[in-house]
Amino acid sequence: MRNILITVMMLIVVALLFNTVIAQDNTGTQARIETQGNTANTTLGNLLP
């Protein structure tokens, strides 16, 4: 029973960390990756052949 409780608590902690670190709207990792990807796409699109 104790092992199940510890496992459930660890899953809750992982879910909270994911929401605060990765999925945050403007400052999360996902938003930063999208910003850098858009910048790279714009830069590549502006290159002249």
Protein backbone atom coordinates (compact mmCIF):
# COMPACT_ATOMS: atom_id res chain seq x y z
CA MET A 1 0.00 0.00 0.00
CA ARG A 2 2.84 2.37 0.84
CA ASN A 3 4.49 1.75 -2.54
CA ILE A 4 1.29 2.66 -4.37
CA LEU A 5 0.97 5.88 -2.37
CA ILE A 6 4.56 6.88 -3.12
CA THR A 7 4.06 6.10 -6.82
CA VAL A 8 0.89 8.21 -7.01
CA MET A 9 2.56 11.10 -5.20
CA MET A 10 5.54 10.96 -7.57
CA LEU A 11 3.22 11.04 -10.58
CA ILE A 12 1.47 14.10 -9.18
CA VAL A 13 4.81 15.85 -8.66
CA VAL A 14 5.90 15.04 -12.21
CA ALA A 15 2.61 16.37 -13.60
CA LEU A 16 2.97 19.61 -11.63
CA LEU A 17 6.58 20.07 -12.75
CA PHE A 18 5.56 19.48 -16.36
CA ASN A 19 2.86 22.14 -16.14
CA THR A 20 5.11 24.74 -14.50
CA VAL A 21 8.31 24.15 -16.48
CA ILE A 22 7.34 22.98 -19.95
CA ALA A 23 3.74 23.91 -20.67
CA GLN A 24 3.68 27.43 -19.20
CA ASP A 25 2.19 29.93 -21.66
CA ASN A 26 4.88 32.56 -22.31
CA THR A 27 7.98 31.47 -20.44
CA GLY A 28 7.82 27.68 -20.65
CA THR A 29 10.17 25.50 -22.63
CA GLN A 30 7.54 24.83 -25.30
CA ALA A 31 7.02 28.56 -25.92
CA ARG A 32 10.77 29.17 -26.15
CA ILE A 33 11.23 26.34 -28.65
CA GLU A 34 8.37 27.69 -30.78
CA THR A 35 9.86 31.19 -30.69
CA GLN A 36 13.28 29.96 -31.76
CA GLY A 37 11.72 27.80 -34.49
CA ASN A 38 9.73 30.71 -35.87
CA THR A 39 12.85 32.90 -35.86
CA ALA A 40 14.81 30.22 -37.72
CA ASN A 41 12.01 29.77 -40.28
CA THR A 42 11.83 33.53 -40.88
CA THR A 43 15.60 33.79 -41.25
CA LEU A 44 15.71 30.88 -43.70
CA GLY A 45 12.77 32.30 -45.62
CA ASN A 46 14.52 35.64 -46.04
CA LEU A 47 17.64 34.14 -47.60
CA LEU A 48 18.09 35.04 -51.22
CA PRO A 49 19.12 32.29 -53.66
